[in-house]
Amino acid sequence: MPPAGVELARHVDLGFGGPGGFYTDSAYDMGADPQFHNIPHTAPTATIAFTLEGEGVQTLDDESWAIDNLKLISNP
């Protein structure tokens, strides 16, 4: 369960294509999740990987996801 303010919508129709029903769309504000704040980093570059995994996740030919408005901010 994400922290308060992170989950914006769960199992609602946000207008994306699909079969509908219970497994519709969900949206999250990852910037509101404290685990993504102030990640220690000292190298000149960084690699950020998003991984889709967890209980109940099916193979990727039956799942989909997207990232919108991604912003990375470097604090000196």
N, C-alpha and C. Protein backbone atom coordinates (compact mmCIF):
# COMPACT_ATOMS: atom_id res chain seq x y z
N MET A 1 0.86 -1.18 0.00
CA MET A 1 0.00 0.00 0.00
C MET A 1 0.90 1.24 0.00
N PRO A 2 0.72 2.13 -0.96
CA PRO A 2 1.55 3.34 -1.01
C PRO A 2 1.17 4.31 0.11
N PRO A 3 2.11 5.20 0.46
CA PRO A 3 1.81 6.21 1.48
C PRO A 3 0.67 7.13 1.04
N ALA A 4 0.06 7.80 1.99
CA ALA A 4 -1.03 8.73 1.69
C ALA A 4 -0.59 9.77 0.68
N GLY A 5 -1.45 10.07 -0.29
CA GLY A 5 -1.17 11.08 -1.30
C GLY A 5 -0.47 10.56 -2.54
N VAL A 6 0.01 9.31 -2.50
CA VAL A 6 0.71 8.74 -3.65
C VAL A 6 -0.27 8.13 -4.64
N GLU A 7 -1.24 7.38 -4.15
CA GLU A 7 -2.23 6.74 -5.02
C GLU A 7 -3.27 7.77 -5.43
N LEU A 8 -3.32 8.09 -6.72
CA LEU A 8 -4.26 9.08 -7.23
C LEU A 8 -5.55 8.45 -7.71
N ALA A 9 -5.46 7.24 -8.26
CA ALA A 9 -6.65 6.53 -8.77
C ALA A 9 -6.33 5.05 -8.74
N ARG A 10 -7.34 4.23 -8.45
CA ARG A 10 -7.15 2.78 -8.43
C ARG A 10 -8.37 2.10 -9.01
N HIS A 11 -8.14 1.32 -10.06
CA HIS A 11 -9.19 0.56 -10.73
C HIS A 11 -10.34 1.46 -11.20
N VAL A 12 -9.97 2.55 -11.89
CA VAL A 12 -10.96 3.43 -12.50
C VAL A 12 -10.62 3.58 -13.98
N ASP A 13 -11.56 4.02 -14.77
CA ASP A 13 -11.32 4.22 -16.19
C ASP A 13 -10.73 5.61 -16.40
N LEU A 14 -9.44 5.66 -16.72
CA LEU A 14 -8.77 6.93 -16.98
C LEU A 14 -8.66 7.22 -18.47
N GLY A 15 -9.33 6.40 -19.28
CA GLY A 15 -9.37 6.65 -20.71
C GLY A 15 -8.38 5.87 -21.54
N PHE A 16 -7.63 4.96 -20.93
CA PHE A 16 -6.70 4.14 -21.69
C PHE A 16 -7.45 2.93 -22.24
N GLY A 17 -6.98 2.41 -23.36
CA GLY A 17 -7.64 1.26 -23.97
C GLY A 17 -7.46 0.01 -23.13
N GLY A 18 -8.38 -0.90 -23.23
CA GLY A 18 -8.28 -2.16 -22.49
C GLY A 18 -9.64 -2.80 -22.34
N PRO A 19 -9.64 -3.93 -21.68
CA PRO A 19 -10.88 -4.69 -21.58
C PRO A 19 -11.88 -4.12 -20.60
N GLY A 20 -11.49 -3.18 -19.76
CA GLY A 20 -12.42 -2.63 -18.76
C GLY A 20 -12.61 -3.58 -17.60
N GLY A 21 -13.69 -3.43 -16.89
CA GLY A 21 -13.93 -4.28 -15.73
C GLY A 21 -13.08 -3.86 -14.54
N PHE A 22 -12.81 -4.80 -13.65
CA PHE A 22 -12.07 -4.52 -12.42
C PHE A 22 -10.64 -4.05 -12.71
N TYR A 23 -10.00 -4.68 -13.68
CA TYR A 23 -8.60 -4.37 -13.95
C TYR A 23 -8.50 -3.21 -14.95
N THR A 24 -8.88 -2.04 -14.50
CA THR A 24 -8.80 -0.86 -15.34
C THR A 24 -7.52 -0.11 -15.00
N ASP A 25 -7.58 1.19 -14.84
CA ASP A 25 -6.38 2.01 -14.68
C ASP A 25 -6.15 2.40 -13.22
N SER A 26 -4.90 2.64 -12.92
CA SER A 26 -4.50 3.20 -11.63
C SER A 26 -3.44 4.26 -11.91
N ALA A 27 -3.31 5.25 -11.04
CA ALA A 27 -2.32 6.31 -11.21
C ALA A 27 -1.69 6.64 -9.86
N TYR A 28 -0.40 6.95 -9.90
CA TYR A 28 0.34 7.22 -8.68
C TYR A 28 1.22 8.45 -8.89
N ASP A 29 1.36 9.27 -7.85
CA ASP A 29 2.27 10.42 -7.86
C ASP A 29 3.53 9.99 -7.12
N MET A 30 4.51 9.50 -7.86
CA MET A 30 5.73 8.99 -7.23
C MET A 30 6.51 10.09 -6.52
N GLY A 31 6.32 11.34 -6.95
CA GLY A 31 6.99 12.46 -6.29
C GLY A 31 6.49 12.69 -4.88
N ALA A 32 5.32 12.15 -4.55
CA ALA A 32 4.78 12.29 -3.20
C ALA A 32 5.26 11.16 -2.29
N ASP A 33 5.99 10.20 -2.83
CA ASP A 33 6.47 9.06 -2.04
C ASP A 33 7.85 9.38 -1.47
N PRO A 34 7.99 9.45 -0.15
CA PRO A 34 9.26 9.82 0.47
C PRO A 34 10.44 8.91 0.09
N GLN A 35 10.18 7.69 -0.32
CA GLN A 35 11.30 6.81 -0.66
C GLN A 35 12.05 7.29 -1.91
N PHE A 36 11.43 8.20 -2.68
CA PHE A 36 12.09 8.74 -3.86
C PHE A 36 12.71 10.11 -3.60
N HIS A 37 12.74 10.56 -2.38
CA HIS A 37 13.31 11.86 -2.03
C HIS A 37 14.74 11.68 -1.53
N ASN A 38 15.60 12.57 -1.92
CA ASN A 38 16.97 12.62 -1.40
C ASN A 38 17.70 11.29 -1.49
N ILE A 39 17.69 10.68 -2.65
CA ILE A 39 18.42 9.42 -2.86
C ILE A 39 19.90 9.76 -2.91
N PRO A 40 20.70 9.15 -2.02
CA PRO A 40 22.14 9.45 -2.01
C PRO A 40 22.78 9.11 -3.35
N HIS A 41 23.59 10.04 -3.86
CA HIS A 41 24.21 9.84 -5.16
C HIS A 41 25.41 10.76 -5.28
N THR A 42 26.59 10.21 -5.59
CA THR A 42 27.78 11.04 -5.70
C THR A 42 28.49 10.90 -7.05
N ALA A 43 28.14 9.92 -7.86
CA ALA A 43 28.77 9.72 -9.17
C ALA A 43 28.29 10.78 -10.16
N PRO A 44 29.03 10.99 -11.25
CA PRO A 44 28.60 11.98 -12.24
C PRO A 44 27.40 11.55 -13.07
N THR A 45 27.07 10.27 -13.06
CA THR A 45 25.90 9.77 -13.78
C THR A 45 25.13 8.82 -12.88
N ALA A 46 23.91 8.55 -13.27
CA ALA A 46 23.08 7.62 -12.51
C ALA A 46 22.20 6.83 -13.47
N THR A 47 21.92 5.60 -13.13
CA THR A 47 20.98 4.78 -13.88
C THR A 47 19.79 4.51 -12.98
N ILE A 48 18.62 4.83 -13.48
CA ILE A 48 17.39 4.60 -12.72
C ILE A 48 16.59 3.55 -13.47
N ALA A 49 16.26 2.46 -12.80
CA ALA A 49 15.51 1.37 -13.42
C ALA A 49 14.17 1.21 -12.73
N PHE A 50 13.12 1.13 -13.50
CA PHE A 50 11.78 0.85 -12.99
C PHE A 50 11.48 -0.61 -13.31
N THR A 51 11.09 -1.37 -12.30
CA THR A 51 10.86 -2.80 -12.47
C THR A 51 9.41 -3.11 -12.10
N LEU A 52 8.75 -3.85 -12.95
CA LEU A 52 7.37 -4.26 -12.70
C LEU A 52 7.41 -5.67 -12.13
N GLU A 53 7.14 -5.78 -10.84
CA GLU A 53 7.15 -7.09 -10.21
C GLU A 53 6.27 -7.06 -8.96
N GLY A 54 5.95 -8.21 -8.47
CA GLY A 54 5.16 -8.31 -7.25
C GLY A 54 4.10 -9.39 -7.37
N GLU A 55 3.46 -9.64 -6.27
CA GLU A 55 2.43 -10.68 -6.21
C GLU A 55 1.29 -10.35 -7.17
N GLY A 56 0.93 -11.29 -8.00
CA GLY A 56 -0.20 -11.13 -8.91
C GLY A 56 0.15 -10.50 -10.25
N VAL A 57 1.40 -10.05 -10.44
CA VAL A 57 1.78 -9.45 -11.71
C VAL A 57 1.99 -10.56 -12.73
N GLN A 58 1.35 -10.41 -13.85
CA GLN A 58 1.46 -11.41 -14.91
C GLN A 58 2.59 -11.04 -15.85
N THR A 59 2.80 -11.86 -16.88
CA THR A 59 3.85 -11.57 -17.85
C THR A 59 3.55 -10.26 -18.56
N LEU A 60 4.60 -9.61 -19.09
CA LEU A 60 4.43 -8.30 -19.68
C LEU A 60 3.57 -8.29 -20.94
N ASP A 61 3.35 -9.45 -21.56
CA ASP A 61 2.45 -9.45 -22.71
C ASP A 61 0.99 -9.33 -22.29
N ASP A 62 0.74 -9.31 -20.96
CA ASP A 62 -0.61 -9.15 -20.44
C ASP A 62 -0.71 -7.97 -19.47
N GLU A 63 0.33 -7.17 -19.37
CA GLU A 63 0.36 -6.02 -18.47
C GLU A 63 0.87 -4.82 -19.24
N SER A 64 0.58 -3.62 -18.76
CA SER A 64 1.14 -2.43 -19.38
C SER A 64 1.25 -1.33 -18.34
N TRP A 65 2.14 -0.40 -18.58
CA TRP A 65 2.30 0.74 -17.70
C TRP A 65 2.98 1.85 -18.49
N ALA A 66 2.94 3.05 -17.94
CA ALA A 66 3.54 4.20 -18.61
C ALA A 66 4.05 5.17 -17.56
N ILE A 67 4.98 6.00 -17.97
CA ILE A 67 5.49 7.08 -17.13
C ILE A 67 5.19 8.38 -17.85
N ASP A 68 4.64 9.35 -17.11
CA ASP A 68 4.32 10.65 -17.69
C ASP A 68 4.87 11.74 -16.77
N ASN A 69 5.36 12.79 -17.36
CA ASN A 69 5.85 13.95 -16.60
C ASN A 69 6.97 13.58 -15.64
N LEU A 70 7.93 12.80 -16.11
CA LEU A 70 9.08 12.41 -15.29
C LEU A 70 10.04 13.59 -15.19
N LYS A 71 10.41 13.93 -13.97
CA LYS A 71 11.34 15.03 -13.74
C LYS A 71 12.38 14.58 -12.72
N LEU A 72 13.65 14.69 -13.08
CA LEU A 72 14.74 14.39 -12.16
C LEU A 72 15.39 15.70 -11.78
N ILE A 73 15.59 15.90 -10.49
CA ILE A 73 16.15 17.15 -10.00
C ILE A 73 17.42 16.84 -9.24
N SER A 74 18.49 17.51 -9.58
CA SER A 74 19.76 17.34 -8.90
C SER A 74 19.93 18.48 -7.90
N ASN A 75 20.12 18.12 -6.66
CA ASN A 75 20.37 19.13 -5.62
C ASN A 75 21.87 19.19 -5.36
N PRO A 76 22.49 20.36 -5.57
CA PRO A 76 23.94 20.47 -5.37
C PRO A 76 24.35 20.25 -3.94
